[in-house]
Amino acid sequence: MQFYSTNNPTEWVDLREAIFKGLPDDNGLYMPTVIPKLKSDFIKNLKQHSFQSLAYEISKRILQGALPDADLKRIVDSAMDFPAPTVQLDENTHILELFHGPTLAFKDFGARFMAKLMAHFNQAEERELVILVATSGDTGGAVAAGFLDTPGIQVVILYPSGKVSPLQEQQLTTLGKNITALEVNGTFDDCQALVKKAFLDRELTQHIRLGSANSINIARLIPQMFYYFEAYKQVANRADENEGIVFTVPSGNLGNLTAGVLAKKMGLPVHRFVSAMNRNNVFAEYLENGDYEPRPSVRTLSNAMDVGNPSNFVRMEALHKIWQKMKVGVAGFSFDDATTEAAVKEVYEKYNYVIDPHGAVGYLAWRAYQHRSKQGSSRKTLKGIILETAHPSKFLPDMERILKKNVEVPEKLAILANRKKVATQMGATYEPFKNFLLEKYAELVV
């Protein structure tokens, strides 16, 4: 499998270079040169596959021999060792629970797969790899857990000070060992800009082997396709030709949505995607009028979606080519915090289900899309699958304030509460960040 840059489709690299480099020199993003179609029999017989089995078949098809099948199967089986179950709220509304991994967030799927894939390719390297990752909430914790104690790999996590939940911060800052946390006085967009600038700094990259673990890295997107197939397997009625599956995706950096579109390109029968946004609604505005105008992000209750310049927008462009096609394939809706809080209450009171703020935005978008579809001419019976991207306890103060009840904290999260936070304070300007990296990691060898 070869990958091209969205800024230069004529320059190709292999999987190993794409995952280690993360970002091409021209500041584009890597995309597969070919998106292979899965056989129709595979789609028809999804129910015969376990989650690990279908994940292996999908990854084998898209990676096309980039590593031995036995090694790929070992990576998939060890990375995808937790479920992605669906929960039915009503006849046509389902929740896809993506929080059953080690850090209780959907980022575990991509982070674990990527960590094991990088470890596989990194075995022959003499210099250590330094992973840079910007996080608005859950990515950092998932990457930290995924790469903890991985030989030959260091991880530096940049997160915006005061803009992640307390338990999310504990996941970023308490592991130690090969995990370093930088608390940036700025926004997620500032963190992301620092990471991108580092990758394009030739002086820095001469002294440090840098890699990325954000959704700009194609290795993060590939495993995120798996749970779209798994959800479809659980919910779709293959005997009903008049049924349409709609995935509603809480959207920030657009990586999750991009993975869903890739799954559809590979043959998954998706009627439409719904992109659910908070007040950071640059992408919703683009879908409405075709104008893409990034702006600084604002803080909201659904903090992991607080992104004002989504990196994966260029991948969405590459997949759809023109705005009109994207508008047909994806509907967009955005909601403020007050409406989100009301949705959290509604879902609990109506269905006795505790949904986190990101999932609540997804719930609102699905209801808005249902309403729009009823007014339109769609003859299909639409079934919605809402991606619940994080366990509600990760947002404990807000959840308990909204619901006026205690929310259970799983043990794997509760044990972090009393651990000591270790983080280096950092401004949002580039030179101090560069100097920090050079002083700590220059010329590191395994």
Protein backbone atom coordinates (compact mmCIF):
# COMPACT_ATOMS: atom_id res chain seq x y z
CA MET A 1 0.00 0.00 0.00
CA GLN A 2 1.24 3.44 -0.97
CA PHE A 3 0.16 6.81 0.41
CA TYR A 4 0.13 10.27 -1.19
CA SER A 5 0.11 13.76 0.27
CA THR A 6 -3.11 15.74 -0.10
CA ASN A 7 -0.90 18.63 -1.26
CA ASN A 8 0.98 16.56 -3.85
CA PRO A 9 -0.77 13.45 -5.20
CA THR A 10 2.26 12.52 -7.33
CA GLU A 11 4.60 11.88 -4.37
CA TRP A 12 4.06 8.44 -2.80
CA VAL A 13 5.48 6.79 0.34
CA ASP A 14 5.02 3.35 1.88
CA LEU A 15 3.18 2.61 5.13
CA ARG A 16 6.29 2.66 7.28
CA GLU A 17 7.29 6.16 6.13
CA ALA A 18 3.71 7.43 6.35
CA ILE A 19 3.22 6.38 9.97
CA PHE A 20 6.65 7.49 11.20
CA LYS A 21 6.61 10.80 9.37
CA GLY A 22 3.00 11.52 10.22
CA LEU A 23 3.01 14.76 8.25
CA PRO A 24 4.44 15.11 4.72
CA ASP A 25 7.09 17.79 4.11
CA ASP A 26 4.57 19.82 2.10
CA ASN A 27 2.21 20.09 5.14
CA GLY A 28 -0.47 17.93 3.55
CA LEU A 29 -1.84 14.71 5.04
CA TYR A 30 -1.26 11.16 3.87
CA MET A 31 -4.05 9.30 2.09
CA PRO A 32 -4.08 5.81 0.53
CA THR A 33 -3.48 5.88 -3.21
CA VAL A 34 -6.13 3.18 -3.60
CA ILE A 35 -9.16 2.50 -1.41
CA PRO A 36 -9.92 -1.17 -2.09
CA LYS A 37 -13.47 -2.48 -2.13
CA LEU A 38 -14.34 -5.36 0.15
CA LYS A 39 -16.15 -8.27 -1.43
CA SER A 40 -19.93 -8.08 -1.20
CA ASP A 41 -20.01 -11.51 0.44
CA PHE A 42 -17.88 -10.16 3.29
CA ILE A 43 -20.38 -7.34 3.91
CA LYS A 44 -23.34 -9.74 3.71
CA ASN A 45 -21.73 -12.12 6.20
CA LEU A 46 -20.44 -9.62 8.77
CA LYS A 47 -22.46 -11.32 11.51
CA GLN A 48 -20.29 -14.41 11.09
CA HIS A 49 -17.16 -12.46 12.08
CA SER A 50 -15.98 -11.50 15.53
CA PHE A 51 -14.85 -7.90 15.98
CA GLN A 52 -11.20 -8.97 15.81
CA SER A 53 -11.85 -11.09 12.74
CA LEU A 54 -13.52 -8.34 10.73
CA ALA A 55 -10.85 -5.84 11.87
CA TYR A 56 -8.14 -8.16 10.57
CA GLU A 57 -9.86 -8.66 7.22
CA ILE A 58 -10.39 -4.92 6.72
CA SER A 59 -6.83 -4.00 7.71
CA LYS A 60 -5.36 -6.75 5.54
CA ARG A 61 -7.33 -5.49 2.56
CA ILE A 62 -6.37 -1.83 2.90
CA LEU A 63 -2.72 -2.40 3.91
CA GLN A 64 -2.17 -4.86 1.05
CA GLY A 65 0.88 -6.73 2.29
CA ALA A 66 2.67 -3.81 3.98
CA LEU A 67 3.59 -6.29 6.75
CA PRO A 68 3.28 -10.06 7.07
CA ASP A 69 -0.26 -11.32 7.65
CA ALA A 70 0.76 -13.11 10.85
CA ASP A 71 2.24 -9.91 12.31
CA LEU A 72 -0.82 -7.90 11.30
CA LYS A 73 -3.15 -10.43 12.90
CA ARG A 74 -1.12 -10.33 16.12
CA ILE A 75 -1.30 -6.52 16.16
CA VAL A 76 -5.05 -6.46 15.50
CA ASP A 77 -5.88 -9.18 18.03
CA SER A 78 -3.90 -7.51 20.82
CA ALA A 79 -5.05 -3.96 20.01
CA MET A 80 -8.76 -4.77 19.58
CA ASP A 81 -9.17 -6.83 22.75
CA PHE A 82 -12.21 -4.94 24.01
CA PRO A 83 -15.74 -4.68 22.56
CA ALA A 84 -17.68 -1.98 20.71
CA PRO A 85 -21.29 -2.78 21.65
CA THR A 86 -24.45 -1.00 20.56
CA VAL A 87 -27.30 -0.09 22.90
CA GLN A 88 -30.80 0.49 21.57
CA LEU A 89 -32.69 3.55 22.85
CA ASP A 90 -35.78 3.22 20.69
CA GLU A 91 -36.86 1.49 17.49
CA ASN A 92 -34.59 3.56 15.24
CA THR A 93 -31.97 5.00 17.62
CA HIS A 94 -28.84 3.16 18.72
CA ILE A 95 -25.77 4.14 20.71
CA LEU A 96 -22.37 2.77 19.69
CA GLU A 97 -20.37 2.61 22.93
CA LEU A 98 -16.73 3.28 22.13
CA PHE A 99 -15.54 3.66 25.73
CA HIS A 100 -14.76 0.09 26.76
CA GLY A 101 -11.00 0.38 26.19
CA PRO A 102 -8.26 1.13 28.74
CA THR A 103 -8.85 4.91 28.86
CA LEU A 104 -12.64 4.82 28.33
CA ALA A 105 -12.61 6.71 25.01
CA PHE A 106 -12.84 5.88 21.31
CA LYS A 107 -9.25 7.03 20.88
CA ASP A 108 -8.14 3.70 22.39
CA PHE A 109 -8.88 1.91 19.11
CA GLY A 110 -6.55 4.08 17.05
CA ALA A 111 -3.89 4.64 19.71
CA ARG A 112 -3.40 0.96 20.55
CA PHE A 113 -3.29 -0.14 16.91
CA MET A 114 -0.88 2.64 16.00
CA ALA A 115 1.40 1.98 18.99
CA LYS A 116 1.73 -1.69 18.12
CA LEU A 117 2.21 -0.96 14.42
CA MET A 118 4.93 1.59 15.18
CA ALA A 119 6.62 -0.79 17.60
CA HIS A 120 6.67 -3.43 14.86
CA PHE A 121 8.38 -1.13 12.35
CA ASN A 122 10.63 0.50 14.97
CA GLN A 123 12.45 -2.66 16.00
CA ALA A 124 15.36 -2.12 13.61
CA GLU A 125 15.91 1.57 14.45
CA GLU A 126 18.95 2.78 16.39
CA ARG A 127 17.55 6.22 17.34
CA GLU A 128 14.56 6.64 19.60
CA LEU A 129 11.31 7.92 18.12
CA VAL A 130 9.69 10.93 19.82
CA ILE A 131 5.91 10.99 19.35
CA LEU A 132 4.33 14.45 19.51
CA VAL A 133 0.60 14.63 20.14
CA ALA A 134 -1.78 17.53 20.74
CA THR A 135 -4.97 16.74 22.64
CA SER A 136 -8.23 18.49 23.41
CA GLY A 137 -9.23 15.75 25.83
CA ASP A 138 -9.14 12.03 25.17
CA THR A 139 -6.39 11.59 22.56
CA GLY A 140 -3.58 12.25 25.02
CA GLY A 141 -4.74 9.71 27.55
CA ALA A 142 -5.26 7.03 24.92
CA VAL A 143 -1.87 7.66 23.33
CA ALA A 144 -0.15 7.70 26.73
CA ALA A 145 -1.70 4.36 27.68
CA GLY A 146 -1.10 2.86 24.24
CA PHE A 147 2.61 3.74 24.12
CA LEU A 148 3.46 3.33 27.82
CA ASP A 149 6.68 1.29 28.19
CA THR A 150 6.99 0.78 24.42
CA PRO A 151 10.73 0.24 23.79
CA GLY A 152 12.46 2.89 21.71
CA ILE A 153 9.56 5.35 21.77
CA GLN A 154 9.11 8.55 23.83
CA VAL A 155 5.79 10.44 23.92
CA VAL A 156 5.24 14.19 24.41
CA ILE A 157 1.64 15.25 24.97
CA LEU A 158 0.59 18.90 24.59
CA TYR A 159 -2.73 19.87 26.17
CA PRO A 160 -4.43 23.26 26.74
CA SER A 161 -4.26 24.36 30.37
CA GLY A 162 -7.65 24.41 32.08
CA LYS A 163 -9.47 23.07 29.02
CA VAL A 164 -9.57 19.34 29.71
CA SER A 165 -11.54 17.63 32.46
CA PRO A 166 -9.76 16.79 35.75
CA LEU A 167 -9.82 13.03 35.09
CA GLN A 168 -8.66 13.53 31.51
CA GLU A 169 -5.75 15.55 32.86
CA GLN A 170 -4.88 12.77 35.30
CA GLN A 171 -4.68 10.34 32.41
CA LEU A 172 -2.19 12.62 30.65
CA THR A 173 0.05 13.60 33.53
CA THR A 174 0.44 10.71 35.96
CA LEU A 175 2.02 7.84 34.05
CA GLY A 176 5.64 9.02 33.92
CA LYS A 177 8.24 6.69 32.38
CA ASN A 178 8.36 7.42 28.62
CA ILE A 179 5.35 9.79 28.76
CA THR A 180 5.90 13.57 29.14
CA ALA A 181 3.06 16.08 29.49
CA LEU A 182 3.27 19.74 28.45
CA GLU A 183 0.56 22.02 29.83
CA VAL A 184 0.21 24.77 27.23
CA ASN A 185 -1.13 28.20 28.09
CA GLY A 186 -3.47 28.37 25.10
CA THR A 187 -6.08 26.44 23.12
CA PHE A 188 -6.04 23.05 21.43
CA ASP A 189 -5.43 24.84 18.15
CA ASP A 190 -2.27 26.36 19.68
CA CYS A 191 -1.11 22.87 20.72
CA GLN A 192 -1.82 21.49 17.27
CA ALA A 193 0.01 24.39 15.60
CA LEU A 194 3.12 23.73 17.74
CA VAL A 195 3.12 20.07 16.74
CA LYS A 196 2.69 20.81 13.05
CA LYS A 197 5.43 23.43 13.09
CA ALA A 198 7.82 20.99 14.75
CA PHE A 199 7.31 18.44 12.00
CA LEU A 200 8.12 21.02 9.34
CA ASP A 201 11.23 22.31 11.18
CA ARG A 202 14.17 20.73 9.33
CA GLU A 203 16.71 21.78 11.95
CA LEU A 204 14.68 20.01 14.63
CA THR A 205 14.06 16.87 12.60
CA GLN A 206 17.78 16.56 11.86
CA HIS A 207 18.39 16.00 15.58
CA ILE A 208 15.19 14.21 16.66
CA ARG A 209 13.18 11.43 15.02
CA LEU A 210 9.67 12.81 15.29
CA GLY A 211 6.39 10.98 14.84
CA SER A 212 2.75 11.92 15.28
CA ALA A 213 -0.08 10.20 17.11
CA ASN A 214 -2.85 12.69 16.31
CA SER A 215 -5.50 11.84 13.74
CA ILE A 216 -3.22 13.48 11.18
CA ASN A 217 -1.42 10.11 11.28
CA ILE A 218 -3.03 7.67 8.86
CA ALA A 219 -2.38 4.81 11.32
CA ARG A 220 -4.99 6.35 13.62
CA LEU A 221 -7.71 6.39 10.97
CA ILE A 222 -7.38 2.83 9.71
CA PRO A 223 -8.50 1.12 12.97
CA GLN A 224 -11.27 3.66 13.47
CA MET A 225 -12.95 2.13 10.43
CA PHE A 226 -13.32 -1.17 12.24
CA TYR A 227 -16.09 -0.15 14.62
CA TYR A 228 -18.26 1.25 11.84
CA PHE A 229 -18.40 -2.26 10.39
CA GLU A 230 -18.94 -3.71 13.86
CA ALA A 231 -21.86 -1.36 14.55
CA TYR A 232 -23.43 -2.04 11.16
CA LYS A 233 -23.13 -5.77 11.88
CA GLN A 234 -25.10 -5.37 15.11
CA VAL A 235 -27.82 -3.00 13.92
CA ALA A 236 -28.53 -3.47 10.21
CA ASN A 237 -31.23 -5.81 8.99
CA ARG A 238 -29.80 -7.14 5.74
CA ALA A 239 -33.23 -8.49 4.70
CA ASP A 240 -34.74 -4.99 4.62
CA GLU A 241 -33.80 -3.20 1.39
CA ASN A 242 -35.74 -0.12 2.48
CA GLU A 243 -33.56 0.42 5.53
CA GLY A 244 -30.83 3.05 5.65
CA ILE A 245 -28.08 3.27 8.28
CA VAL A 246 -27.11 6.79 9.38
CA PHE A 247 -23.99 7.28 11.50
CA THR A 248 -24.03 10.37 13.70
CA VAL A 249 -20.49 11.41 14.56
CA PRO A 250 -19.51 13.97 17.25
CA SER A 251 -16.95 15.98 15.30
CA GLY A 252 -13.88 17.97 16.28
CA ASN A 253 -10.76 17.32 14.23
CA LEU A 254 -12.91 15.24 11.80
CA GLY A 255 -10.75 12.12 12.12
CA ASN A 256 -13.64 9.92 13.26
CA LEU A 257 -15.84 11.16 10.44
CA THR A 258 -13.07 10.64 7.89
CA ALA A 259 -12.66 7.04 9.06
CA GLY A 260 -16.38 6.48 8.55
CA VAL A 261 -16.22 7.83 5.01
CA LEU A 262 -13.24 5.54 4.31
CA ALA A 263 -15.33 2.61 5.58
CA LYS A 264 -18.11 3.57 3.17
CA LYS A 265 -15.60 3.83 0.32
CA MET A 266 -14.52 0.28 1.15
CA GLY A 267 -18.09 -0.91 0.71
CA LEU A 268 -19.94 -0.41 3.99
CA PRO A 269 -23.57 0.44 3.08
CA VAL A 270 -24.08 3.81 4.79
CA HIS A 271 -27.08 5.94 3.86
CA ARG A 272 -25.52 9.14 5.20
CA PHE A 273 -23.24 10.59 7.85
CA VAL A 274 -24.34 13.30 10.27
CA SER A 275 -21.57 15.49 11.64
CA ALA A 276 -22.52 16.72 15.13
CA MET A 277 -20.76 19.86 16.36
CA ASN A 278 -20.81 22.23 19.31
CA ARG A 279 -20.28 25.99 18.94
CA ASN A 280 -17.06 25.24 17.07
CA ASN A 281 -19.06 24.79 13.90
CA VAL A 282 -16.68 25.73 11.09
CA PHE A 283 -17.40 22.44 9.32
CA ALA A 284 -21.18 22.78 9.68
CA GLU A 285 -20.98 26.20 8.07
CA TYR A 286 -18.90 24.78 5.24
CA LEU A 287 -21.48 22.07 4.58
CA GLU A 288 -24.16 24.75 4.49
CA ASN A 289 -22.55 27.28 2.16
CA GLY A 290 -19.30 25.85 0.78
CA ASP A 291 -17.06 28.40 2.52
CA TYR A 292 -14.35 27.03 4.81
CA GLU A 293 -13.31 29.73 7.25
CA PRO A 294 -11.28 28.46 10.24
CA ARG A 295 -11.26 30.55 13.41
CA PRO A 296 -10.01 30.21 16.99
CA SER A 297 -11.84 27.55 18.96
CA VAL A 298 -14.07 28.41 21.91
CA ARG A 299 -14.42 26.39 25.08
CA THR A 300 -17.54 24.25 25.46
CA LEU A 301 -18.99 21.47 27.58
CA SER A 302 -17.99 18.92 24.90
CA ASN A 303 -14.32 19.89 25.07
CA ALA A 304 -12.88 17.17 22.81
CA MET A 305 -14.74 18.84 19.93
CA ASP A 306 -13.33 22.31 20.61
CA VAL A 307 -11.45 22.60 17.31
CA GLY A 308 -11.55 25.71 15.14
CA ASN A 309 -9.40 24.44 12.25
CA PRO A 310 -10.01 20.69 11.80
CA SER A 311 -6.90 18.99 10.43
CA ASN A 312 -8.78 16.23 8.64
CA PHE A 313 -10.83 18.65 6.57
CA VAL A 314 -8.29 18.22 3.76
CA ARG A 315 -8.85 14.46 3.85
CA MET A 316 -12.59 14.99 3.62
CA GLU A 317 -11.93 17.17 0.59
CA ALA A 318 -9.73 14.48 -0.95
CA LEU A 319 -12.44 11.84 -0.44
CA HIS A 320 -15.26 13.94 -1.90
CA LYS A 321 -13.40 16.14 -4.43
CA ILE A 322 -16.06 18.86 -4.48
CA TRP A 323 -18.30 20.54 -1.91
CA GLN A 324 -21.53 19.38 -3.57
CA LYS A 325 -20.58 15.72 -3.11
CA MET A 326 -19.61 16.25 0.52
CA LYS A 327 -22.91 18.02 1.18
CA VAL A 328 -24.78 15.04 -0.24
CA GLY A 329 -22.83 12.53 1.84
CA VAL A 330 -22.67 14.45 5.13
CA ALA A 331 -25.24 16.56 6.99
CA GLY A 332 -24.04 18.97 9.66
CA PHE A 333 -25.66 20.38 12.79
CA SER A 334 -24.30 22.37 15.73
CA PHE A 335 -25.62 23.04 19.24
CA ASP A 336 -24.73 25.19 22.23
CA ASP A 337 -24.02 24.06 25.79
CA ALA A 338 -27.49 24.78 27.13
CA THR A 339 -29.08 22.57 24.47
CA THR A 340 -26.46 19.89 25.12
CA GLU A 341 -27.24 19.87 28.86
CA ALA A 342 -30.95 19.52 28.07
CA ALA A 343 -30.16 16.54 25.84
CA VAL A 344 -28.17 14.81 28.60
CA LYS A 345 -31.22 15.17 30.88
CA GLU A 346 -33.64 14.04 28.16
CA VAL A 347 -31.73 10.87 27.34
CA TYR A 348 -31.54 9.93 31.02
CA GLU A 349 -35.18 10.71 31.80
CA LYS A 350 -36.55 9.14 28.63
CA TYR A 351 -34.31 6.10 28.26
CA ASN A 352 -32.55 5.73 31.64
CA TYR A 353 -29.25 6.02 29.77
CA VAL A 354 -26.37 8.24 30.90
CA ILE A 355 -24.85 9.88 27.83
CA ASP A 356 -21.76 12.10 27.90
CA PRO A 357 -21.80 15.66 26.48
CA HIS A 358 -20.23 14.61 23.16
CA GLY A 359 -22.74 11.83 22.68
CA ALA A 360 -25.49 14.27 23.67
CA VAL A 361 -24.49 16.56 20.79
CA GLY A 362 -24.67 13.47 18.57
CA TYR A 363 -28.15 12.67 19.91
CA LEU A 364 -29.33 16.20 19.12
CA ALA A 365 -27.92 16.00 15.60
CA TRP A 366 -29.62 12.66 14.97
CA ARG A 367 -32.98 14.06 16.13
CA ALA A 368 -32.49 17.12 13.91
CA TYR A 369 -31.66 14.90 10.95
CA GLN A 370 -34.69 12.70 11.60
CA HIS A 371 -36.89 15.80 11.61
CA ARG A 372 -35.37 17.05 8.37
CA SER A 373 -35.77 13.63 6.73
CA LYS A 374 -39.46 13.45 7.62
CA GLN A 375 -39.95 16.74 5.84
CA GLY A 376 -38.07 15.46 2.80
CA SER A 377 -38.80 12.69 0.35
CA SER A 378 -36.74 9.83 1.78
CA ARG A 379 -38.63 6.56 1.49
CA LYS A 380 -36.16 4.59 3.55
CA THR A 381 -36.63 3.66 7.19
CA LEU A 382 -33.61 5.32 8.74
CA LYS A 383 -31.77 3.77 11.67
CA GLY A 384 -29.39 6.05 13.50
CA ILE A 385 -26.18 4.93 15.18
CA ILE A 386 -24.82 7.64 17.50
CA LEU A 387 -21.13 7.35 18.35
CA GLU A 388 -20.72 7.67 22.13
CA THR A 389 -17.06 8.57 22.18
CA ALA A 390 -16.20 8.66 25.90
CA HIS A 391 -17.49 7.33 29.20
CA PRO A 392 -19.62 9.97 30.98
CA SER A 393 -17.54 9.71 34.15
CA LYS A 394 -14.65 11.42 32.35
CA PHE A 395 -16.73 14.60 32.70
CA LEU A 396 -17.81 13.90 36.25
CA PRO A 397 -18.38 17.42 37.67
CA ASP A 398 -20.53 18.49 34.73
CA MET A 399 -22.42 15.20 34.51
CA GLU A 400 -23.32 15.19 38.20
CA ARG A 401 -24.28 18.86 38.08
CA ILE A 402 -26.57 18.28 35.08
CA LEU A 403 -28.17 15.04 36.29
CA LYS A 404 -28.13 15.90 40.01
CA LYS A 405 -27.04 12.35 40.77
CA ASN A 406 -23.84 10.41 41.30
CA VAL A 407 -22.25 8.98 38.17
CA GLU A 408 -20.33 5.75 38.61
CA VAL A 409 -16.60 5.99 37.90
CA PRO A 410 -15.07 2.75 36.57
CA GLU A 411 -12.13 1.48 38.61
CA LYS A 412 -9.61 1.98 35.80
CA LEU A 413 -10.38 5.71 35.94
CA ALA A 414 -10.97 6.05 39.68
CA ILE A 415 -7.47 4.84 40.54
CA LEU A 416 -5.98 7.89 38.80
CA ALA A 417 -7.67 10.44 41.03
CA ASN A 418 -5.02 10.49 43.74
CA ARG A 419 -1.93 10.14 41.57
CA LYS A 420 0.48 13.06 41.40
CA LYS A 421 0.24 15.29 38.35
CA VAL A 422 3.56 15.93 36.59
CA ALA A 423 3.43 18.46 33.75
CA THR A 424 5.78 21.08 32.34
CA GLN A 425 4.27 24.53 31.85
CA MET A 426 4.68 25.85 28.32
CA GLY A 427 3.64 28.99 26.44
CA ALA A 428 2.04 28.89 23.02
CA THR A 429 5.09 30.27 21.16
CA TYR A 430 7.25 27.91 19.15
CA GLU A 431 10.86 28.60 20.11
CA PRO A 432 10.58 27.57 23.82
CA PHE A 433 8.84 24.38 22.71
CA LYS A 434 11.57 23.64 20.17
CA ASN A 435 14.29 24.28 22.74
CA PHE A 436 12.57 21.96 25.23
CA LEU A 437 12.57 19.16 22.68
CA LEU A 438 16.20 19.70 21.70
CA GLU A 439 17.42 19.76 25.29
CA LYS A 440 15.50 16.63 26.26
CA TYR A 441 15.57 14.42 23.20
CA ALA A 442 18.29 15.45 20.70
CA GLU A 443 20.30 12.49 19.40
CA LEU A 444 18.62 9.95 21.67
CA VAL A 445 19.55 6.36 20.87
CA VAL A 446 17.73 3.21 21.82
